[in-house]
Amino acid sequence: MQEKELYSKACVAGSIRFVIDEAKEESVDLNVYENFSCNVATILARDKEVVAVRLIPYSNKCEVYIAKNGPWLREDIAYIDRIKKYVKSLSKDAPIKLDEALERKDVGSLFKDVMIYCSAKIKTRFEKLRNDIKKDIINNQQNQHIKSFVDYASINTKNIDKVNGMYLSDKCLNYYNEFKNSSIPEKFLRHIKKVGSYCAALIDITACACKDKYKLLFSNMHMHKLEPIIISQPIFSWENIVQRYIPDHEEYEEFKRRCLDDDFTSKRLTKIYGNVNRLDKSIEQHIYLHAEMNLLTNIINQRYKDRAFIAVSKSSCYLCELYIRFVNKKGYKIYTSGAHKKLYSEWLLPKIKDTNLRHESLKDMINQLDQVINEEIVKHISIVVRSNSDGESGINPNIFKKVGSLLRAKNPRPY
């Protein structure tokens, strides 16, 4: 029943507050193997997939564990096998100068395979960069940083819609490295960096495989694909959960009205519950173990408490971040490559072997969601209070009292 409560509250929290906080770039000092993991995660993520990678180095080999948020397809497995073959081939011939390696046929095949496999993802990332350029053209802004990049990358702005980002990854990488410390807007540089990240990842992977000191590790590389975990979970109705925080019927109806009148919240409710007219009905939802949580489960089940880095192709969600923060308080040292502060309702709690730790984590995650929901309800009620002071009619006067009680509430009414 507690698990059903957790997932039901995740749905409510995700519907009324999708973005928890502003995402920030995390500064983590990575060693060579951790950086290699990040590069592998980049080239294994296709389209909207999220891939997580953990590399464990030994004296004469390395074990690479991979998880993703969907099923492994036949082409995925064939692609991973080719990546492993390319890296092993290079490492067996190490040491090799990077310039010489880039002339090799197998390295050329590696670059080609990656660009084709990741083409949909590159296209999505380049679209943001293309929009920056088109906006400048349409508005005749003539921003110097746009002109600078267009000239640098030899882009024909008259045919901007026909430009293929796959062929600009190297130019984006070079431009970013040259101008990353300049006064160019951070958002524009970030879009350039993401397109250039594929070329950067390929160069770094190739450079690592060429070094003599990693010869034994990468020539004896073993890759393990963790199976995804997806379940169908019964969920309490939106009404059931929200009324635990707002037991007064009139106050609940006012809060519901304000949620439905907000376009963003209404869209989130429709996405999660299927129909805003059925918020009083229980549902079933497919939830899945996020890729980094799949690898984390493996770490905790082995009771591995040394530093463990998990590279993720996309920054971790808010609930993954909370869970990692919780287990690290229990003596683990798990790190990821960043968090984006967004709350996804389809999140699945890791099923670890330590039942006590699992129970504690379940309780902690519920408490964290209580806080998110409480804060958002208070925010909505404070809007009602301000509106009423300006003469808005039809608001229950008792709602003023509710603000204080919600602010002081630690736990909502039990189910």
Protein backbone atom coordinates (compact mmCIF):
# COMPACT_ATOMS: atom_id res chain seq x y z
CA MET A 1 0.00 0.00 0.00
CA GLN A 2 2.91 2.38 0.74
CA GLU A 3 4.33 1.81 -2.73
CA LYS A 4 0.95 2.63 -4.26
CA GLU A 5 0.97 5.81 -2.16
CA LEU A 6 4.46 6.71 -3.42
CA TYR A 7 3.59 6.31 -7.09
CA SER A 8 0.22 8.05 -6.66
CA LYS A 9 1.90 11.04 -5.01
CA ALA A 10 4.52 11.10 -7.77
CA CYS A 11 1.67 11.46 -10.27
CA VAL A 12 0.09 14.33 -8.34
CA ALA A 13 3.42 16.08 -7.77
CA GLY A 14 4.35 15.68 -11.44
CA SER A 15 1.00 17.09 -12.53
CA ILE A 16 1.14 20.29 -10.47
CA ARG A 17 4.90 20.90 -10.34
CA PHE A 18 6.86 19.28 -13.15
CA VAL A 19 9.98 21.45 -12.76
CA ILE A 20 11.11 21.44 -9.14
CA ASP A 21 14.02 23.86 -9.42
CA GLU A 22 16.36 25.44 -11.93
CA ALA A 23 18.81 22.94 -13.39
CA LYS A 24 22.47 23.70 -12.82
CA GLU A 25 25.65 22.32 -14.32
CA GLU A 26 27.35 20.07 -11.78
CA SER A 27 31.07 20.28 -11.36
CA VAL A 28 32.44 16.79 -10.76
CA ASP A 29 36.11 15.94 -11.20
CA LEU A 30 36.12 12.82 -13.35
CA ASN A 31 38.97 10.37 -13.81
CA VAL A 32 39.81 8.87 -17.20
CA TYR A 33 37.47 5.88 -16.82
CA GLU A 34 34.55 8.01 -15.66
CA ASN A 35 35.04 10.38 -18.57
CA PHE A 36 35.20 7.36 -20.89
CA SER A 37 31.85 6.22 -19.43
CA CYS A 38 30.32 9.62 -20.26
CA ASN A 39 31.51 9.35 -23.84
CA VAL A 40 30.12 5.83 -24.21
CA ALA A 41 26.76 6.99 -22.80
CA THR A 42 26.70 9.78 -25.41
CA ILE A 43 27.21 7.48 -28.38
CA LEU A 44 24.79 4.79 -27.11
CA ALA A 45 21.78 7.11 -26.70
CA ARG A 46 19.50 7.16 -29.70
CA ASP A 47 16.64 9.61 -30.20
CA LYS A 48 14.78 10.03 -26.87
CA GLU A 49 16.39 7.06 -25.15
CA VAL A 50 18.35 7.50 -21.92
CA VAL A 51 21.42 5.34 -21.43
CA ALA A 52 23.47 4.89 -18.26
CA VAL A 53 27.01 3.47 -18.18
CA ARG A 54 29.30 2.30 -15.39
CA LEU A 55 32.87 1.22 -16.10
CA ILE A 56 34.82 -0.84 -13.56
CA PRO A 57 38.59 -0.97 -14.30
CA TYR A 58 40.75 -3.91 -13.22
CA SER A 59 44.47 -4.54 -13.73
CA ASN A 60 44.02 -6.57 -16.92
CA LYS A 61 40.45 -5.86 -18.11
CA CYS A 62 37.43 -3.60 -17.69
CA GLU A 63 33.78 -4.41 -17.14
CA VAL A 64 31.22 -2.03 -18.64
CA TYR A 65 27.63 -2.18 -17.41
CA ILE A 66 24.94 -0.54 -19.56
CA ALA A 67 21.27 0.14 -18.88
CA LYS A 68 18.64 2.08 -20.77
CA ASN A 69 15.04 3.12 -20.28
CA GLY A 70 13.60 0.77 -22.89
CA PRO A 71 14.07 -2.69 -24.39
CA TRP A 72 17.28 -3.69 -26.15
CA LEU A 73 16.58 -4.08 -29.86
CA ARG A 74 18.50 -6.34 -32.21
CA GLU A 75 20.15 -3.34 -33.89
CA ASP A 76 21.19 -1.98 -30.46
CA ILE A 77 22.99 -5.20 -29.63
CA ALA A 78 24.69 -5.34 -33.04
CA TYR A 79 25.77 -1.69 -32.68
CA ILE A 80 27.22 -2.25 -29.18
CA ASP A 81 29.14 -5.27 -30.43
CA ARG A 82 30.66 -3.15 -33.21
CA ILE A 83 31.68 -0.40 -30.77
CA LYS A 84 33.35 -3.01 -28.57
CA LYS A 85 35.12 -4.49 -31.60
CA TYR A 86 36.46 -1.08 -32.73
CA VAL A 87 37.81 -0.23 -29.27
CA LYS A 88 39.42 -3.65 -28.85
CA SER A 89 41.00 -3.44 -32.29
CA LEU A 90 42.60 -0.08 -31.50
CA SER A 91 43.78 -1.12 -28.04
CA LYS A 92 45.47 -4.28 -29.31
CA ASP A 93 47.59 -2.11 -31.62
CA ALA A 94 48.40 0.48 -28.93
CA PRO A 95 50.38 2.63 -28.56
CA ILE A 96 49.21 4.59 -31.61
CA LYS A 97 49.41 8.32 -32.29
CA LEU A 98 45.96 9.88 -32.45
CA ASP A 99 46.62 11.45 -35.87
CA GLU A 100 47.54 8.05 -37.26
CA ALA A 101 44.54 6.37 -35.63
CA LEU A 102 42.17 8.84 -37.26
CA GLU A 103 43.43 7.64 -40.65
CA ARG A 104 42.56 4.01 -39.92
CA LYS A 105 39.68 2.28 -41.66
CA ASP A 106 38.21 0.88 -38.42
CA VAL A 107 38.18 4.34 -36.82
CA GLY A 108 36.45 5.73 -39.91
CA SER A 109 33.85 2.98 -39.59
CA LEU A 110 33.43 3.80 -35.89
CA PHE A 111 32.71 7.47 -36.64
CA LYS A 112 30.29 6.57 -39.44
CA ASP A 113 28.39 4.02 -37.33
CA VAL A 114 28.00 6.43 -34.41
CA MET A 115 26.76 9.32 -36.55
CA ILE A 116 24.17 7.11 -38.26
CA TYR A 117 22.99 5.48 -35.02
CA CYS A 118 22.72 8.84 -33.21
CA SER A 119 21.37 10.78 -36.20
CA ALA A 120 17.89 11.37 -34.71
CA LYS A 121 19.39 12.67 -31.47
CA ILE A 122 21.84 14.91 -33.32
CA LYS A 123 18.98 16.25 -35.44
CA THR A 124 17.00 17.16 -32.31
CA ARG A 125 19.97 18.91 -30.76
CA PHE A 126 20.85 20.76 -33.95
CA GLU A 127 17.24 21.95 -34.24
CA LYS A 128 17.76 24.18 -31.19
CA LEU A 129 20.87 25.66 -32.75
CA ARG A 130 19.07 26.11 -36.07
CA ASN A 131 16.24 27.94 -34.29
CA ASP A 132 18.74 30.34 -32.71
CA ILE A 133 20.05 31.19 -36.19
CA LYS A 134 16.60 31.45 -37.80
CA LYS A 135 15.31 33.72 -35.04
CA ASP A 136 18.24 36.04 -35.62
CA ILE A 137 17.54 36.09 -39.37
CA ILE A 138 13.77 36.59 -39.07
CA ASN A 139 14.09 39.40 -36.54
CA ASN A 140 17.05 40.93 -38.40
CA GLN A 141 18.93 41.09 -35.11
CA GLN A 142 22.36 40.57 -36.65
CA ASN A 143 23.87 39.32 -33.40
CA GLN A 144 27.62 39.10 -33.71
CA HIS A 145 27.87 35.70 -32.02
CA ILE A 146 25.39 34.22 -34.53
CA LYS A 147 27.27 35.68 -37.49
CA SER A 148 30.55 34.49 -36.00
CA PHE A 149 29.34 30.88 -35.74
CA VAL A 150 27.63 30.89 -39.17
CA ASP A 151 30.86 32.08 -40.80
CA TYR A 152 32.98 29.64 -38.78
CA ALA A 153 30.81 26.66 -39.75
CA SER A 154 30.34 27.86 -43.36
CA ILE A 155 26.54 27.63 -43.05
CA ASN A 156 24.43 28.87 -45.95
CA THR A 157 21.63 30.69 -44.09
CA LYS A 158 19.48 30.81 -47.26
CA ASN A 159 19.18 27.02 -47.04
CA ILE A 160 19.31 26.74 -43.25
CA ASP A 161 16.46 24.17 -43.15
CA LYS A 162 18.47 21.80 -45.33
CA VAL A 163 21.60 21.90 -43.16
CA ASN A 164 22.37 18.50 -41.58
CA GLY A 165 23.79 18.71 -38.06
CA MET A 166 25.55 15.35 -38.49
CA TYR A 167 28.16 17.07 -40.65
CA LEU A 168 28.71 19.97 -38.26
CA SER A 169 29.64 18.11 -35.07
CA ASP A 170 33.38 18.68 -35.57
CA LYS A 171 32.92 22.38 -36.36
CA CYS A 172 30.68 22.82 -33.33
CA LEU A 173 33.29 21.12 -31.16
CA ASN A 174 36.12 23.32 -32.45
CA TYR A 175 34.06 26.49 -32.16
CA TYR A 176 33.02 25.66 -28.58
CA ASN A 177 36.60 24.93 -27.49
CA GLU A 178 37.78 28.20 -29.02
CA PHE A 179 35.04 30.47 -27.68
CA LYS A 180 33.72 28.79 -24.51
CA ASN A 181 35.34 31.42 -22.28
CA SER A 182 34.14 34.36 -24.36
CA SER A 183 31.15 36.65 -23.79
CA ILE A 184 28.93 34.62 -26.14
CA PRO A 185 25.52 33.85 -24.48
CA GLU A 186 25.68 30.67 -22.40
CA LYS A 187 22.51 29.17 -23.91
CA PHE A 188 23.85 29.52 -27.47
CA LEU A 189 27.18 27.96 -26.49
CA ARG A 190 25.34 25.10 -24.78
CA HIS A 191 23.45 24.31 -27.99
CA ILE A 192 26.75 24.28 -29.89
CA LYS A 193 28.39 22.08 -27.27
CA LYS A 194 25.63 19.46 -27.48
CA VAL A 195 25.96 19.10 -31.25
CA GLY A 196 29.74 18.94 -30.89
CA SER A 197 29.55 16.36 -28.08
CA TYR A 198 29.40 13.44 -30.54
CA CYS A 199 32.66 14.38 -32.21
CA ALA A 200 34.19 15.09 -28.80
CA ALA A 201 33.11 11.66 -27.50
CA LEU A 202 34.53 9.84 -30.52
CA ILE A 203 37.88 11.63 -30.31
CA ASP A 204 38.19 10.95 -26.58
CA ILE A 205 37.26 7.26 -26.95
CA THR A 206 39.77 6.87 -29.77
CA ALA A 207 42.51 8.68 -27.82
CA CYS A 208 41.97 6.43 -24.78
CA ALA A 209 42.07 3.25 -26.83
CA CYS A 210 45.34 4.40 -28.46
CA LYS A 211 47.27 4.75 -25.18
CA ASP A 212 49.62 2.01 -24.09
CA LYS A 213 48.69 2.28 -20.39
CA TYR A 214 45.07 1.30 -21.16
CA LYS A 215 46.02 -1.47 -23.60
CA LEU A 216 45.14 -4.38 -21.30
CA LEU A 217 41.95 -2.79 -20.07
CA PHE A 218 40.33 -1.87 -23.37
CA SER A 219 41.62 -4.82 -25.38
CA ASN A 220 39.88 -7.02 -22.78
CA MET A 221 36.66 -5.02 -22.44
CA HIS A 222 33.47 -6.85 -21.47
CA MET A 223 30.08 -5.17 -21.85
CA HIS A 224 27.00 -6.20 -19.86
CA LYS A 225 23.50 -5.07 -20.81
CA LEU A 226 21.07 -4.85 -17.89
CA GLU A 227 17.50 -5.73 -18.74
CA PRO A 228 14.95 -2.92 -18.35
CA ILE A 229 12.26 -3.21 -15.67
CA ILE A 230 8.76 -1.97 -16.52
CA ILE A 231 5.62 -2.69 -14.48
CA SER A 232 1.93 -1.79 -14.55
CA GLN A 233 1.12 0.00 -11.29
CA PRO A 234 -2.35 0.80 -9.81
CA ILE A 235 -2.57 4.50 -8.90
CA PHE A 236 -4.94 6.26 -6.50
CA SER A 237 -7.06 8.93 -8.15
CA TRP A 238 -5.81 12.53 -8.25
CA GLU A 239 -8.79 13.50 -6.08
CA ASN A 240 -7.95 10.82 -3.49
CA ILE A 241 -4.39 12.12 -3.03
CA VAL A 242 -5.10 15.87 -3.18
CA GLN A 243 -7.93 15.62 -0.64
CA ARG A 244 -5.47 14.21 1.87
CA TYR A 245 -3.86 17.65 1.79
CA ILE A 246 -7.09 19.66 1.31
CA PRO A 247 -9.89 17.81 3.18
CA ASP A 248 -12.35 20.71 2.89
CA HIS A 249 -14.48 20.03 -0.21
CA GLU A 250 -14.92 23.66 -1.28
CA GLU A 251 -11.23 24.39 -0.92
CA TYR A 252 -10.40 21.24 -2.89
CA GLU A 253 -12.78 22.29 -5.70
CA GLU A 254 -11.20 25.75 -5.83
CA PHE A 255 -7.71 24.25 -6.06
CA LYS A 256 -8.86 21.82 -8.77
CA ARG A 257 -10.45 24.67 -10.75
CA ARG A 258 -7.23 26.67 -10.67
CA CYS A 259 -5.23 23.63 -11.85
CA LEU A 260 -7.62 23.03 -14.76
CA ASP A 261 -7.59 26.72 -15.72
CA ASP A 262 -3.81 26.65 -16.02
CA ASP A 263 -2.87 25.39 -19.52
CA PHE A 264 0.41 23.77 -18.47
CA THR A 265 -1.10 21.98 -15.46
CA SER A 266 -4.13 20.88 -17.48
CA LYS A 267 -1.85 19.33 -20.12
CA ARG A 268 0.17 17.54 -17.45
CA LEU A 269 -3.04 16.18 -15.87
CA THR A 270 -4.22 14.92 -19.26
CA LYS A 271 -0.87 13.27 -19.97
CA ILE A 272 -0.75 11.48 -16.61
CA TYR A 273 -4.42 10.66 -15.96
CA GLY A 274 -5.69 10.44 -19.54
CA ASN A 275 -8.69 12.71 -19.08
CA VAL A 276 -9.23 15.72 -16.79
CA ASN A 277 -12.84 14.62 -16.34
CA ARG A 278 -11.69 11.43 -14.62
CA LEU A 279 -9.55 12.86 -11.84
CA ASP A 280 -11.78 11.09 -9.32
CA LYS A 281 -10.99 7.67 -10.86
CA SER A 282 -8.14 5.29 -10.04
CA ILE A 283 -5.85 4.42 -12.94
CA GLU A 284 -3.07 2.04 -13.91
CA GLN A 285 0.18 3.44 -15.18
CA HIS A 286 3.27 1.86 -16.74
CA ILE A 287 6.27 2.87 -14.66
CA TYR A 288 9.87 1.90 -15.25
CA LEU A 289 13.22 1.76 -13.52
CA HIS A 290 15.30 4.65 -14.81
CA ALA A 291 18.59 3.59 -16.39
CA GLU A 292 20.82 5.01 -13.63
CA MET A 293 18.60 3.40 -10.97
CA ASN A 294 19.11 0.04 -12.69
CA LEU A 295 22.88 0.38 -12.33
CA LEU A 296 22.50 1.78 -8.80
CA THR A 297 20.49 -1.30 -7.77
CA ASN A 298 23.41 -3.46 -8.87
CA ILE A 299 25.85 -1.35 -6.81
CA ILE A 300 23.73 -1.46 -3.63
CA ASN A 301 22.99 -5.19 -3.91
CA GLN A 302 26.76 -5.77 -3.99
CA ARG A 303 27.14 -3.42 -0.97
CA TYR A 304 29.84 -1.57 -2.88
CA LYS A 305 30.60 1.56 -0.83
CA ASP A 306 33.65 2.93 -2.63
CA ARG A 307 33.19 5.74 -5.15
CA ALA A 308 30.84 4.64 -7.93
CA PHE A 309 30.23 6.89 -10.91
CA ILE A 310 27.27 6.42 -13.24
CA ALA A 311 27.40 8.27 -16.56
CA VAL A 312 23.98 9.20 -17.95
CA SER A 313 23.27 10.39 -21.49
CA LYS A 314 20.67 12.81 -20.08
CA SER A 315 20.83 14.47 -16.66
CA SER A 316 19.06 12.51 -13.91
CA CYS A 317 15.49 13.40 -12.96
CA TYR A 318 14.50 14.88 -9.60
CA LEU A 319 13.40 11.56 -8.05
CA CYS A 320 16.64 9.82 -9.10
CA GLU A 321 18.56 12.71 -7.57
CA LEU A 322 16.60 12.37 -4.31
CA TYR A 323 17.17 8.61 -4.18
CA ILE A 324 20.93 8.95 -4.76
CA ARG A 325 21.08 11.63 -2.06
CA PHE A 326 19.29 9.23 0.32
CA VAL A 327 21.57 6.20 -0.25
CA ASN A 328 24.67 8.39 0.00
CA LYS A 329 23.55 9.34 3.51
CA LYS A 330 23.63 5.59 4.23
CA GLY A 331 27.32 5.30 3.43
CA TYR A 332 27.36 4.93 -0.36
CA LYS A 333 29.34 7.22 -2.67
CA ILE A 334 27.32 7.24 -5.87
CA TYR A 335 27.65 10.07 -8.36
CA THR A 336 26.04 10.82 -11.72
CA SER A 337 26.79 13.28 -14.50
CA GLY A 338 24.14 15.84 -13.43
CA ALA A 339 20.45 16.38 -12.60
CA HIS A 340 17.79 18.43 -14.42
CA LYS A 341 15.27 18.89 -11.54
CA LYS A 342 12.23 17.59 -13.47
CA LEU A 343 9.77 15.20 -11.82
CA TYR A 344 8.59 12.26 -13.93
CA SER A 345 5.56 10.36 -12.66
CA GLU A 346 6.58 7.10 -14.41
CA TRP A 347 9.46 6.60 -11.94
CA LEU A 348 9.99 3.18 -10.31
CA LEU A 349 11.62 2.69 -6.89
CA PRO A 350 14.70 0.39 -7.06
CA LYS A 351 13.95 -3.07 -5.68
CA ILE A 352 17.08 -3.64 -3.62
CA LYS A 353 17.77 -6.78 -1.57
CA ASP A 354 18.23 -4.90 1.72
CA THR A 355 14.58 -4.74 2.86
CA ASN A 356 15.29 -2.31 5.71
CA LEU A 357 17.03 0.11 3.39
CA ARG A 358 14.23 -0.26 0.85
CA HIS A 359 11.60 0.51 3.49
CA GLU A 360 13.56 3.54 4.69
CA SER A 361 14.00 4.81 1.14
CA LEU A 362 10.28 4.37 0.45
CA LYS A 363 9.39 6.41 3.53
CA ASP A 364 11.94 9.09 2.65
CA MET A 365 10.70 9.44 -0.94
CA ILE A 366 7.09 9.76 0.26
CA ASN A 367 8.12 12.50 2.70
CA GLN A 368 9.95 14.34 -0.07
CA LEU A 369 6.88 14.19 -2.31
CA ASP A 370 4.69 15.40 0.58
CA GLN A 371 6.89 18.47 0.78
CA VAL A 372 6.66 19.15 -2.97
CA ILE A 373 2.85 18.80 -3.01
CA ASN A 374 2.39 20.85 0.16
CA GLU A 375 4.55 23.67 -1.18
CA GLU A 376 2.65 23.78 -4.47
CA ILE A 377 -0.76 23.77 -2.78
CA VAL A 378 0.34 26.62 -0.50
CA LYS A 379 1.52 28.54 -3.56
CA HIS A 380 -1.87 28.14 -5.23
CA ILE A 381 -3.71 29.15 -2.07
CA SER A 382 -1.53 32.23 -1.64
CA ILE A 383 -2.61 33.24 -5.18
CA VAL A 384 -6.22 32.90 -4.07
CA VAL A 385 -5.50 35.05 -0.99
CA ARG A 386 -3.90 37.80 -3.10
CA SER A 387 -6.75 37.67 -5.63
CA ASN A 388 -9.36 37.92 -2.90
CA SER A 389 -7.69 40.98 -1.41
CA ASP A 390 -8.13 42.63 -4.82
CA GLY A 391 -11.87 42.02 -4.72
CA GLU A 392 -12.26 38.54 -6.23
CA SER A 393 -15.56 37.02 -5.13
CA GLY A 394 -16.74 33.47 -4.48
CA ILE A 395 -13.74 32.33 -2.38
CA ASN A 396 -14.39 30.43 0.84
CA PRO A 397 -13.11 32.63 3.73
CA ASN A 398 -11.80 29.52 5.52
CA ILE A 399 -9.14 29.23 2.83
CA PHE A 400 -7.14 31.94 4.60
CA LYS A 401 -6.79 29.69 7.64
CA LYS A 402 -5.62 26.82 5.47
CA VAL A 403 -2.43 28.63 4.41
CA GLY A 404 -0.96 28.54 7.91
CA SER A 405 -1.96 24.95 8.57
CA LEU A 406 -0.44 23.77 5.29
CA LEU A 407 2.81 25.58 5.97
CA ARG A 408 3.08 23.85 9.34
CA ALA A 409 1.91 20.42 8.12
CA LYS A 410 4.58 17.74 8.04
CA ASN A 411 2.39 14.83 6.98
CA PRO A 412 -0.93 14.82 5.13
CA ARG A 413 -3.96 12.92 6.27
CA PRO A 414 -3.27 9.13 5.97
CA TYR A 415 -5.15 7.13 3.37
